[in-house]
Every structure is written in structure tokens, then in C-alpha cells.
PDB file of N, CA and C in Angstrom:
ATOM      1  N   MET A   1     117.620 131.000 116.487  1.00  0.00           N
ATOM      2  CA  MET A   1     116.759 129.171 116.321  1.00  0.00           C
ATOM      3  C   MET A   1     117.089 128.373 115.164  1.00  0.00           C
ATOM      4  N   ARG A   2     116.856 127.102 116.005  1.00  0.00           N
ATOM      5  CA  ARG A   2     117.335 126.426 114.592  1.00  0.00           C
ATOM      6  C   ARG A   2     116.690 124.858 114.694  1.00  0.00           C
ATOM      7  N   SER A   3     116.418 124.549 113.669  1.00  0.00           N
ATOM      8  CA  SER A   3     115.353 123.093 113.716  1.00  0.00           C
ATOM      9  C   SER A   3     115.958 122.215 112.577  1.00  0.00           C
ATOM     10  N   TYR A   4     115.209 121.171 112.239  1.00  0.00           N
ATOM     11  CA  TYR A   4     116.302 120.086 111.763  1.00  0.00           C
ATOM     12  C   TYR A   4     114.845 119.663 110.675  1.00  0.00           C
ATOM     13  N   GLY A   5     115.129 118.844 109.258  1.00  0.00           N
ATOM     14  CA  GLY A   5     114.528 118.285 108.880  1.00  0.00           C
ATOM     15  C   GLY A   5     115.149 117.452 106.988  1.00  0.00           C
ATOM     16  N   ILE A   6     114.343 116.871 106.861  1.00  0.00           N
ATOM     17  CA  ILE A   6     115.165 116.026 105.663  1.00  0.00           C
ATOM     18  C   ILE A   6     114.639 116.732 104.876  1.00  0.00           C
ATOM     19  N   ASP A   7     116.099 116.969 103.851  1.00  0.00           N
ATOM     20  CA  ASP A   7     115.939 116.943 102.598  1.00  0.00           C
ATOM     21  C   ASP A   7     115.481 116.676 101.741  1.00  0.00           C
ATOM     22  N   PRO A   8     114.678 117.052 100.823  1.00  0.00           N
ATOM     23  CA  PRO A   8     113.628 116.168  99.961  1.00  0.00           C
ATOM     24  C   PRO A   8     114.323 115.561  98.530  1.00  0.00           C
ATOM     25  N   LYS A   9     115.328 116.340  98.462  1.00  0.00           N
ATOM     26  CA  LYS A   9     116.695 115.728  97.127  1.00  0.00           C
ATOM     27  C   LYS A   9     117.367 115.147  97.645  1.00  0.00           C
ATOM     28  N   THR A  10     118.078 114.852  99.043  1.00  0.00           N
ATOM     29  CA  THR A  10     119.106 113.814  99.465  1.00  0.00           C
ATOM     30  C   THR A  10     118.662 112.535 100.502  1.00  0.00           C
ATOM     31  N   GLY A  11     117.493 113.168 100.950  1.00  0.00           N
ATOM     32  CA  GLY A  11     116.585 112.089 102.556  1.00  0.00           C
ATOM     33  C   GLY A  11     117.365 112.653 103.399  1.00  0.00           C
ATOM     34  N   ASN A  12     118.544 113.101 103.488  1.00  0.00           N
ATOM     35  CA  ASN A  12     119.649 113.485 104.780  1.00  0.00           C
ATOM     36  C   ASN A  12     118.786 114.088 105.506  1.00  0.00           C
ATOM     37  N   TRP A  13     119.213 114.494 106.691  1.00  0.00           N
ATOM     38  CA  TRP A  13     118.948 115.356 107.651  1.00  0.00           C
ATOM     39  C   TRP A  13     119.446 116.882 107.413  1.00  0.00           C
ATOM     40  N   THR A  14     118.978 117.782 107.313  1.00  0.00           N
ATOM     41  CA  THR A  14     120.173 118.973 107.502  1.00  0.00           C
ATOM     42  C   THR A  14     119.611 119.818 108.640  1.00  0.00           C
ATOM     43  N   THR A  15     120.287 121.164 108.385  1.00  0.00           N
ATOM     44  CA  THR A  15     119.919 122.056 109.390  1.00  0.00           C
ATOM     45  C   THR A  15     119.295 123.075 108.724  1.00  0.00           C
ATOM     46  N   ILE A  16     118.061 123.714 109.813  1.00  0.00           N
ATOM     47  CA  ILE A  16     117.839 124.766 108.682  1.00  0.00           C
ATOM     48  C   ILE A  16     117.910 125.942 110.074  1.00  0.00           C
ATOM     49  N   THR A  17     118.073 126.953 109.598  1.00  0.00           N
ATOM     50  CA  THR A  17     118.380 128.424 110.267  1.00  0.00           C
ATOM     51  C   THR A  17     116.857 129.367 109.978  1.00  0.00           C
ATOM     52  N   ASP A  18     116.803 129.445 108.907  1.00  0.00           N
ATOM     53  CA  ASP A  18     115.833 130.906 108.322  1.00  0.00           C
ATOM     54  C   ASP A  18     114.513 130.672 109.311  1.00  0.00           C
ATOM     55  N   PRO A  19     114.702 131.534 109.660  1.00  0.00           N
ATOM     56  CA  PRO A  19     113.425 131.542 110.542  1.00  0.00           C
ATOM     57  C   PRO A  19     111.814 130.987 109.954  1.00  0.00           C
ATOM     58  N   SER A  20     111.539 131.768 108.555  1.00  0.00           N
ATOM     59  CA  SER A  20     110.316 131.796 108.005  1.00  0.00           C
ATOM     60  C   SER A  20     110.450 129.822 107.560  1.00  0.00           C
ATOM     61  N   TYR A  21     111.610 129.392 106.836  1.00  0.00           N
ATOM     62  CA  TYR A  21     111.558 128.004 106.940  1.00  0.00           C
ATOM     63  C   TYR A  21     111.708 127.023 107.934  1.00  0.00           C
ATOM     64  N   ILE A  22     112.055 127.304 109.108  1.00  0.00           N
ATOM     65  CA  ILE A  22     111.376 126.233 110.276  1.00  0.00           C
ATOM     66  C   ILE A  22     110.075 126.667 110.457  1.00  0.00           C
ATOM     67  N   TYR A  23     109.728 127.316 110.656  1.00  0.00           N
ATOM     68  CA  TYR A  23     107.923 127.184 110.798  1.00  0.00           C
ATOM     69  C   TYR A  23     107.348 126.540 109.717  1.00  0.00           C
ATOM     70  N   LEU A  24     107.983 126.726 108.600  1.00  0.00           N
ATOM     71  CA  LEU A  24     107.039 125.514 107.212  1.00  0.00           C
ATOM     72  C   LEU A  24     107.587 124.397 107.286  1.00  0.00           C
ATOM     73  N   ALA A  25     108.468 123.910 107.863  1.00  0.00           N
ATOM     74  CA  ALA A  25     108.655 122.741 108.238  1.00  0.00           C
ATOM     75  C   ALA A  25     107.936 121.966 109.676  1.00  0.00           C
ATOM     76  N   THR A  26     108.313 122.678 110.223  1.00  0.00           N
ATOM     77  CA  THR A  26     106.814 122.884 111.544  1.00  0.00           C
ATOM     78  C   THR A  26     105.726 122.574 111.202  1.00  0.00           C
ATOM     79  N   VAL A  27     105.261 123.457 110.638  1.00  0.00           N
ATOM     80  CA  VAL A  27     104.161 123.056 109.847  1.00  0.00           C
ATOM     81  C   VAL A  27     103.746 121.336 109.283  1.00  0.00           C
ATOM     82  N   ALA A  28     104.317 121.487 108.966  1.00  0.00           N
ATOM     83  CA  ALA A  28     104.557 120.080 107.671  1.00  0.00           C
ATOM     84  C   ALA A  28     104.886 118.509 108.680  1.00  0.00           C
ATOM     85  N   GLN A  29     105.483 118.931 109.743  1.00  0.00           N
ATOM     86  CA  GLN A  29     106.108 118.092 111.033  1.00  0.00           C
ATOM     87  C   GLN A  29     105.009 117.703 111.748  1.00  0.00           C
ATOM     88  N   THR A  30     103.718 118.856 111.952  1.00  0.00           N
ATOM     89  CA  THR A  30     102.895 119.214 112.766  1.00  0.00           C
ATOM     90  C   THR A  30     101.809 118.281 112.086  1.00  0.00           C
ATOM     91  N   LEU A  31     101.717 118.608 110.475  1.00  0.00           N
ATOM     92  CA  LEU A  31     100.793 117.592 109.862  1.00  0.00           C
ATOM     93  C   LEU A  31     101.085 116.002 110.002  1.00  0.00           C
ATOM     94  N   ARG A  32     102.093 116.282 110.058  1.00  0.00           N
ATOM     95  CA  ARG A  32     102.487 114.057 109.788  1.00  0.00           C
ATOM     96  C   ARG A  32     102.065 113.567 111.471  1.00  0.00           C
ATOM     97  N   LEU A  33     102.130 114.524 113.049  1.00  0.00           N
ATOM     98  CA  LEU A  33     101.960 113.608 113.535  1.00  0.00           C
ATOM     99  C   LEU A  33     100.543 113.110 114.343  1.00  0.00           C
ATOM    100  N   ASN A  34     100.421 112.447 114.617  1.00  0.00           N
ATOM    101  CA  ASN A  34      99.233 112.490 115.337  1.00  0.00           C
ATOM    102  C   ASN A  34      99.004 112.427 116.087  1.00  0.00           C
ATOM    103  N   LEU A  35      97.838 112.754 116.591  1.00  0.00           N
ATOM    104  CA  LEU A  35      97.229 113.578 118.228  1.00  0.00           C
ATOM    105  C   LEU A  35      97.974 112.926 119.033  1.00  0.00           C
ATOM    106  N   GLY A  36      98.678 113.559 120.096  1.00  0.00           N
ATOM    107  CA  GLY A  36      98.808 112.980 121.290  1.00  0.00           C
ATOM    108  C   GLY A  36     100.252 112.095 121.452  1.00  0.00           C
ATOM    109  N   GLU A  37     100.975 112.425 119.999  1.00  0.00           N
ATOM    110  CA  GLU A  37     102.297 111.652 119.457  1.00  0.00           C
ATOM    111  C   GLU A  37     103.092 112.091 120.257  1.00  0.00           C
ATOM    112  N   SER A  38     103.224 113.295 120.568  1.00  0.00           N
ATOM    113  CA  SER A  38     104.350 114.363 120.942  1.00  0.00           C
ATOM    114  C   SER A  38     104.306 114.012 122.047  1.00  0.00           C
ATOM    115  N   PRO A  39     105.371 113.747 123.067  1.00  0.00           N
ATOM    116  CA  PRO A  39     105.714 113.542 124.117  1.00  0.00           C
ATOM    117  C   PRO A  39     105.584 115.425 125.266  1.00  0.00           C
ATOM    118  N   PHE A  40     105.850 116.300 124.504  1.00  0.00           N
ATOM    119  CA  PHE A  40     105.793 117.955 125.104  1.00  0.00           C
ATOM    120  C   PHE A  40     104.420 118.743 124.388  1.00  0.00           C
ATOM    121  N   TYR A  41     104.120 118.387 123.378  1.00  0.00           N
ATOM    122  CA  TYR A  41     103.147 119.099 122.554  1.00  0.00           C
ATOM    123  C   TYR A  41     101.788 118.089 122.229  1.00  0.00           C
ATOM    124  N   GLY A  42     101.019 117.784 123.522  1.00  0.00           N
ATOM    125  CA  GLY A  42      99.690 117.196 123.322  1.00  0.00           C
ATOM    126  C   GLY A  42      99.101 117.209 122.496  1.00  0.00           C
ATOM    127  N   ASN A  43      98.761 118.671 122.208  1.00  0.00           N
ATOM    128  CA  ASN A  43      97.526 119.415 121.560  1.00  0.00           C
ATOM    129  C   ASN A  43      98.107 119.324 119.738  1.00  0.00           C
ATOM    130  N   TYR A  44      99.077 119.070 119.505  1.00  0.00           N
ATOM    131  CA  TYR A  44      99.803 119.224 118.029  1.00  0.00           C
ATOM    132  C   TYR A  44      99.522 117.635 117.371  1.00  0.00           C
ATOM    133  N   GLY A  45      99.159 118.219 115.955  1.00  0.00           N
ATOM    134  CA  GLY A  45      99.151 116.689 115.517  1.00  0.00           C
ATOM    135  C   GLY A  45      97.545 117.287 115.016  1.00  0.00           C
ATOM    136  N   ILE A  46      97.080 115.923 113.881  1.00  0.00           N
ATOM    137  CA  ILE A  46      95.821 115.846 113.333  1.00  0.00           C
ATOM    138  C   ILE A  46      95.844 114.290 113.842  1.00  0.00           C
ATOM    139  N   PRO A  47      94.827 114.410 113.908  1.00  0.00           N
ATOM    140  CA  PRO A  47      94.035 112.527 113.723  1.00  0.00           C
ATOM    141  C   PRO A  47      93.934 111.727 112.875  1.00  0.00           C
ATOM    142  N   ALA A  48      95.120 111.818 112.229  1.00  0.00           N
ATOM    143  CA  ALA A  48      95.122 111.257 110.845  1.00  0.00           C
ATOM    144  C   ALA A  48      94.921 109.186 110.914  1.00  0.00           C
ATOM    145  N   GLN A  49      95.210 108.627 111.334  1.00  0.00           N
ATOM    146  CA  GLN A  49      95.244 107.456 111.824  1.00  0.00           C
ATOM    147  C   GLN A  49      93.470 107.148 112.108  1.00  0.00           C
ATOM    148  N   GLN A  50      93.216 108.102 112.927  1.00  0.00           N
ATOM    149  CA  GLN A  50      91.981 107.485 113.339  1.00  0.00           C
ATOM    150  C   GLN A  50      91.022 107.995 112.235  1.00  0.00           C
ATOM    151  N   SER A  51      91.317 108.740 111.228  1.00  0.00           N
ATOM    152  CA  SER A  51      90.730 109.581 109.887  1.00  0.00           C
ATOM    153  C   SER A  51      90.500 108.299 109.102  1.00  0.00           C
ATOM    154  N   VAL A  52      91.863 107.748 108.968  1.00  0.00           N
ATOM    155  CA  VAL A  52      91.763 105.936 108.016  1.00  0.00           C
ATOM    156  C   VAL A  52      90.754 105.468 107.982  1.00  0.00           C
ATOM    157  N   ILE A  53      90.347 105.368 109.494  1.00  0.00           N
ATOM    158  CA  ILE A  53      90.062 103.798 110.131  1.00  0.00           C
ATOM    159  C   ILE A  53      88.793 104.283 109.920  1.00  0.00           C
ATOM    160  N   ASN A  54      88.072 105.550 110.379  1.00  0.00           N
ATOM    161  CA  ASN A  54      86.808 106.289 110.208  1.00  0.00           C
ATOM    162  C   ASN A  54      86.357 106.659 108.764  1.00  0.00           C
ATOM    163  N   GLN A  55      86.920 106.651 107.905  1.00  0.00           N
ATOM    164  CA  GLN A  55      86.996 107.397 106.483  1.00  0.00           C
ATOM    165  C   GLN A  55      86.488 108.784 106.392  1.00  0.00           C
ATOM    166  N   ILE A  56      86.891 109.638 107.728  1.00  0.00           N
ATOM    167  CA  ILE A  56      86.045 110.695 107.877  1.00  0.00           C
ATOM    168  C   ILE A  56      87.419 112.027 107.871  1.00  0.00           C
ATOM    169  N   ALA A  57      87.940 112.844 106.921  1.00  0.00           N
ATOM    170  CA  ALA A  57      88.762 113.318 107.428  1.00  0.00           C
ATOM    171  C   ALA A  57      89.046 114.462 108.086  1.00  0.00           C
ATOM    172  N   PRO A  58      90.283 114.505 108.428  1.00  0.00           N
ATOM    173  CA  PRO A  58      90.925 115.873 109.858  1.00  0.00           C
ATOM    174  C   PRO A  58      90.523 117.235 109.181  1.00  0.00           C
ATOM    175  N   ASN A  59      89.678 117.438 108.643  1.00  0.00           N
ATOM    176  CA  ASN A  59      89.368 118.813 108.706  1.00  0.00           C
ATOM    177  C   ASN A  59      89.497 119.452 109.512  1.00  0.00           C
ATOM    178  N   LEU A  60      88.782 119.857 110.484  1.00  0.00           N
ATOM    179  CA  LEU A  60      88.622 120.648 111.815  1.00  0.00           C
ATOM    180  C   LEU A  60      90.783 120.995 112.305  1.00  0.00           C
ATOM    181  N   ALA A  61      91.228 119.417 112.407  1.00  0.00           N
ATOM    182  CA  ALA A  61      92.478 119.709 113.229  1.00  0.00           C
ATOM    183  C   ALA A  61      92.846 120.211 111.771  1.00  0.00           C
ATOM    184  N   VAL A  62      92.781 120.497 110.777  1.00  0.00           N
ATOM    185  CA  VAL A  62      94.041 120.769 109.877  1.00  0.00           C
ATOM    186  C   VAL A  62      94.010 121.927 109.788  1.00  0.00           C
ATOM    187  N   ASN A  63      92.591 122.635 109.780  1.00  0.00           N
ATOM    188  CA  ASN A  63      92.203 123.851 110.256  1.00  0.00           C
ATOM    189  C   ASN A  63      93.058 124.598 111.302  1.00  0.00           C
ATOM    190  N   ASN A  64      93.227 123.846 112.245  1.00  0.00           N
ATOM    191  CA  ASN A  64      93.515 124.530 113.721  1.00  0.00           C
ATOM    192  C   ASN A  64      94.790 124.660 113.651  1.00  0.00           C
ATOM    193  N   THR A  65      95.630 123.482 113.323  1.00  0.00           N
ATOM    194  CA  THR A  65      96.960 123.881 112.454  1.00  0.00           C
ATOM    195  C   THR A  65      97.335 124.472 111.819  1.00  0.00           C
ATOM    196  N   GLN A  66      96.071 125.156 110.650  1.00  0.00           N
ATOM    197  CA  GLN A  66      96.565 126.319 110.027  1.00  0.00           C
ATOM    198  C   GLN A  66      96.945 127.819 110.344  1.00  0.00           C
ATOM    199  N   ASN A  67      95.332 128.027 111.168  1.00  0.00           N
ATOM    200  CA  ASN A  67      95.566 128.525 111.923  1.00  0.00           C
ATOM    201  C   ASN A  67      96.520 128.993 113.682  1.00  0.00           C
ATOM    202  N   GLN A  68      97.081 128.045 113.591  1.00  0.00           N
ATOM    203  CA  GLN A  68      97.733 127.997 114.546  1.00  0.00           C
ATOM    204  C   GLN A  68      98.785 128.594 114.235  1.00  0.00           C
ATOM    205  N   TYR A  69      99.557 128.596 113.228  1.00  0.00           N
ATOM    206  CA  TYR A  69     100.800 129.043 112.709  1.00  0.00           C
ATOM    207  C   TYR A  69     100.413 130.168 111.475  1.00  0.00           C
ATOM    208  N   ALA A  70      99.170 130.697 111.328  1.00  0.00           N
ATOM    209  CA  ALA A  70      99.500 131.260 110.100  1.00  0.00           C
ATOM    210  C   ALA A  70      99.961 132.976 110.974  1.00  0.00           C
ATOM    211  N   PRO A  71     100.105 133.021 112.222  1.00  0.00           N
ATOM    212  CA  PRO A  71     100.510 134.722 112.604  1.00  0.00           C
ATOM    213  C   PRO A  71     102.047 134.576 111.837  1.00  0.00           C
ATOM    214  N   TYR A  72     102.619 133.640 111.572  1.00  0.00           N
ATOM    215  CA  TYR A  72     104.277 133.415 111.486  1.00  0.00           C
ATOM    216  C   TYR A  72     104.235 133.809 109.137  1.00  0.00           C
ATOM    217  N   PHE A  73     103.229 133.169 109.355  1.00  0.00           N
ATOM    218  CA  PHE A  73     103.312 133.817 107.557  1.00  0.00           C
ATOM    219  C   PHE A  73     102.353 135.245 107.059  1.00  0.00           C
ATOM    220  N   ALA A  74     102.992 135.742 105.778  1.00  0.00           N
ATOM    221  CA  ALA A  74     102.134 136.190 104.952  1.00  0.00           C
ATOM    222  C   ALA A  74     100.749 135.582 104.749  1.00  0.00           C
ATOM    223  N   SER A  75     100.673 134.688 104.455  1.00  0.00           N
ATOM    224  CA  SER A  75      99.389 134.143 103.964  1.00  0.00           C
ATOM    225  C   SER A  75      99.759 132.359 104.255  1.00  0.00           C
ATOM    226  N   LEU A  76      99.494 131.638 104.822  1.00  0.00           N
ATOM    227  CA  LEU A  76      99.361 130.148 104.714  1.00  0.00           C
ATOM    228  C   LEU A  76      97.750 129.249 104.733  1.00  0.00           C
ATOM    229  N   THR A  77      98.156 128.656 103.062  1.00  0.00           N
ATOM    230  CA  THR A  77      96.546 127.856 103.356  1.00  0.00           C
ATOM    231  C   THR A  77      97.049 126.498 102.959  1.00  0.00           C
ATOM    232  N   ILE A  78      96.406 125.368 104.078  1.00  0.00           N
ATOM    233  CA  ILE A  78      96.512 124.371 103.589  1.00  0.00           C
ATOM    234  C   ILE A  78      94.830 123.502 103.209  1.00  0.00           C
ATOM    235  N   THR A  79      95.282 122.891 102.224  1.00  0.00           N
ATOM    236  CA  THR A  79      94.201 122.406 101.296  1.00  0.00           C
ATOM    237  C   THR A  79      94.689 120.738 101.632  1.00  0.00           C
ATOM    238  N   SER A  80      93.689 119.990 101.544  1.00  0.00           N
ATOM    239  CA  SER A  80      93.713 118.588 101.448  1.00  0.00           C
ATOM    240  C   SER A  80      93.497 118.149  99.926  1.00  0.00           C
ATOM    241  N   GLN A  81      94.266 117.034  99.841  1.00  0.00           N
ATOM    242  CA  GLN A  81      94.862 116.486  98.682  1.00  0.00           C
ATOM    243  C   GLN A  81      93.205 115.509  97.995  1.00  0.00           C
ATOM    244  N   THR A  82      92.580 115.298  96.766  1.00  0.00           N
ATOM    245  CA  THR A  82      91.787 114.131  96.923  1.00  0.00           C
ATOM    246  C   THR A  82      92.458 113.217  95.812  1.00  0.00           C
ATOM    247  N   ASN A  83      91.658 112.209  95.988  1.00  0.00           N
ATOM    248  CA  ASN A  83      91.759 110.851  95.286  1.00  0.00           C
ATOM    249  C   ASN A  83      93.651 109.974  95.831  1.00  0.00           C
ATOM    250  N   THR A  84      93.908 110.445  96.812  1.00  0.00           N
ATOM    251  CA  THR A  84      94.760 109.820  97.285  1.00  0.00           C
ATOM    252  C   THR A  84      94.694 108.638  98.158  1.00  0.00           C
ATOM    253  N   PRO A  85      95.123 107.845  98.363  1.00  0.00           N
ATOM    254  CA  PRO A  85      95.136 106.501  99.623  1.00  0.00           C
ATOM    255  C   PRO A  85      95.554 107.115 100.982  1.00  0.00           C
ATOM    256  N   GLN A  86      96.221 108.240 101.328  1.00  0.00           N
ATOM    257  CA  GLN A  86      96.352 108.396 102.580  1.00  0.00           C
ATOM    258  C   GLN A  86      96.065 110.006 102.355  1.00  0.00           C
ATOM    259  N   PRO A  87      96.109 110.464 103.805  1.00  0.00           N
ATOM    260  CA  PRO A  87      95.338 111.886 103.962  1.00  0.00           C
ATOM    261  C   PRO A  87      96.843 112.585 103.262  1.00  0.00           C
ATOM    262  N   THR A  88      96.833 113.532 102.556  1.00  0.00           N
ATOM    263  CA  THR A  88      98.121 114.762 101.937  1.00  0.00           C
ATOM    264  C   THR A  88      97.305 115.680 101.545  1.00  0.00           C
ATOM    265  N   TYR A  89      98.397 116.655 102.336  1.00  0.00           N
ATOM    266  CA  TYR A  89      97.867 117.883 102.084  1.00  0.00           C
ATOM    267  C   TYR A  89      98.477 118.926 100.954  1.00  0.00           C
ATOM    268  N   ALA A  90      98.080 119.914 100.341  1.00  0.00           N
ATOM    269  CA  ALA A  90      98.763 121.193  99.689  1.00  0.00           C
ATOM    270  C   ALA A  90      99.079 121.973 100.896  1.00  0.00           C
ATOM    271  N   ILE A  91     100.319 122.641 100.921  1.00  0.00           N
ATOM    272  CA  ILE A  91     100.247 123.777 101.692  1.00  0.00           C
ATOM    273  C   ILE A  91     101.295 124.925 100.391  1.00  0.00           C
ATOM    274  N   SER A  92     100.506 126.109 100.978  1.00  0.00           N
ATOM    275  CA  SER A  92     101.147 127.327  99.959  1.00  0.00           C
ATOM    276  C   SER A  92     101.286 127.923 100.949  1.00  0.00           C
ATOM    277  N   ALA A  93     102.624 128.590 101.157  1.00  0.00           N
ATOM    278  CA  ALA A  93     103.162 129.539 102.057  1.00  0.00           C
ATOM    279  C   ALA A  93     103.359 130.682 101.177  1.00  0.00           C
ATOM    280  N   VAL A  94     103.593 132.157 102.083  1.00  0.00           N
ATOM    281  CA  VAL A  94     103.933 133.103 101.441  1.00  0.00           C
ATOM    282  C   VAL A  94     105.174 133.839 102.698  1.00  0.00           C
ATOM    283  N   PHE A  95     106.179 133.870 102.411  1.00  0.00           N
ATOM    284  CA  PHE A  95     106.943 134.535 103.666  1.00  0.00           C
ATOM    285  C   PHE A  95     106.660 135.676 103.772  1.00  0.00           C
ATOM    286  N   GLN A  96     106.961 136.492 105.027  1.00  0.00           N
ATOM    287  CA  GLN A  96     107.018 137.540 105.700  1.00  0.00           C
ATOM    288  C   GLN A  96     107.839 138.858 104.032  1.00  0.00           C
ATOM    289  N   ASN A  97     109.016 137.943 104.100  1.00  0.00           N
ATOM    290  CA  ASN A  97     109.860 138.944 102.724  1.00  0.00           C
ATOM    291  C   ASN A  97     108.784 138.239 101.119  1.00  0.00           C
ATOM    292  N   GLY A  98     107.959 137.554 100.975  1.00  0.00           N
ATOM    293  CA  GLY A  98     107.135 137.786 100.200  1.00  0.00           C
ATOM    294  C   GLY A  98     107.530 136.612  99.425  1.00  0.00           C
ATOM    295  N   THR A  99     108.270 135.648  99.371  1.00  0.00           N
ATOM    296  CA  THR A  99     108.935 134.038  99.168  1.00  0.00           C
ATOM    297  C   THR A  99     107.504 133.499  99.041  1.00  0.00           C
ATOM    298  N   THR A 100     107.458 132.986  98.071  1.00  0.00           N
ATOM    299  CA  THR A 100     106.076 131.873  98.385  1.00  0.00           C
ATOM    300  C   THR A 100     106.890 130.443  98.015  1.00  0.00           C
ATOM    301  N   ILE A 101     105.815 129.474  98.613  1.00  0.00           N
ATOM    302  CA  ILE A 101     106.502 128.021  98.738  1.00  0.00           C
ATOM    303  C   ILE A 101     105.234 127.297  98.412  1.00  0.00           C
ATOM    304  N   GLN A 102     105.753 126.505  97.323  1.00  0.00           N
ATOM    305  CA  GLN A 102     103.393 125.663  97.689  1.00  0.00           C
ATOM    306  C   GLN A 102     104.801 123.871  97.820  1.00  0.00           C
ATOM    307  N   THR A 103     103.793 123.582  98.870  1.00  0.00           N
ATOM    308  CA  THR A 103     104.821 121.524  98.598  1.00  0.00           C
ATOM    309  C   THR A 103     103.609 121.060  99.351  1.00  0.00           C
ATOM    310  N   VAL A 104     103.660 119.526  99.084  1.00  0.00           N
ATOM    311  CA  VAL A 104     102.573 118.974  99.415  1.00  0.00           C
ATOM    312  C   VAL A 104     103.645 117.802 100.693  1.00  0.00           C
ATOM    313  N   VAL A 105     102.576 117.387 101.136  1.00  0.00           N
ATOM    314  CA  VAL A 105     102.577 116.895 102.689  1.00  0.00           C
ATOM    315  C   VAL A 105     101.911 115.562 103.056  1.00  0.00           C
ATOM    316  N   ALA A 106     102.677 114.315 102.838  1.00  0.00           N
ATOM    317  CA  ALA A 106     101.727 113.293 102.999  1.00  0.00           C
ATOM    318  C   ALA A 106     101.806 112.870 104.446  1.00  0.00           C
ATOM    319  N   THR A 107     100.412 112.544 105.110  1.00  0.00           N
ATOM    320  CA  THR A 107     100.920 112.052 106.563  1.00  0.00           C
ATOM    321  C   THR A 107     101.193 110.506 107.350  1.00  0.00           C
TER     322      THR A 107
END
């Protein structure tokens, strides 16, 4: 299995081959999607644009995303960041091999 993501250090697209990192990149990409934006997976994503307009956080959609990807990790936690101009989420993931990764995703 292989996926692609943007390397935060260089800003260039890179190939991801480690299954744990593929799922982590997929979680981040899902949080950046709006509902219905993907032509293949209409139920992936969160209603971020509607949330900004309505000023209501998409907590249920984020919780569903966390539950959707949790089986691929030993532990997965997605929390909303406060005092940010756009919906921003902190991801804390523990891979099956014990590696811990923490990152922030701005939608």
C-alpha cells in the first residue's frame, strides 16, 4: 500500500509507504475534506465550511472520524484547538509498534 502526502519541512509531495503513517496521513486528509467533497467517499470529511459560517464546531463529525480510524492505531485522539481563526485539531496517535506522534491539522 502507498499514499502521498506533503512533507511539512520541504512542502513537496512525498510517497508514504509505512502503513501506520499512511493511516495518519489519511486521518489528516480526512479532517481537511469537506463533507461530500470526495467523489469516491462522500461520507469522509467534516463540515468545516458550514461550521465556520454557523459558528458551531463539527464535534460529531470529528468524533466519527476518530472512531472510523481508531482500529488502525493502538490509540488515537483528536481534540479541537481553541482560540484559532479556523477549525484546528490536535492529533495524538500511538501506532501498533508503540511509536507516538502528535501533530496539528488546520482545516
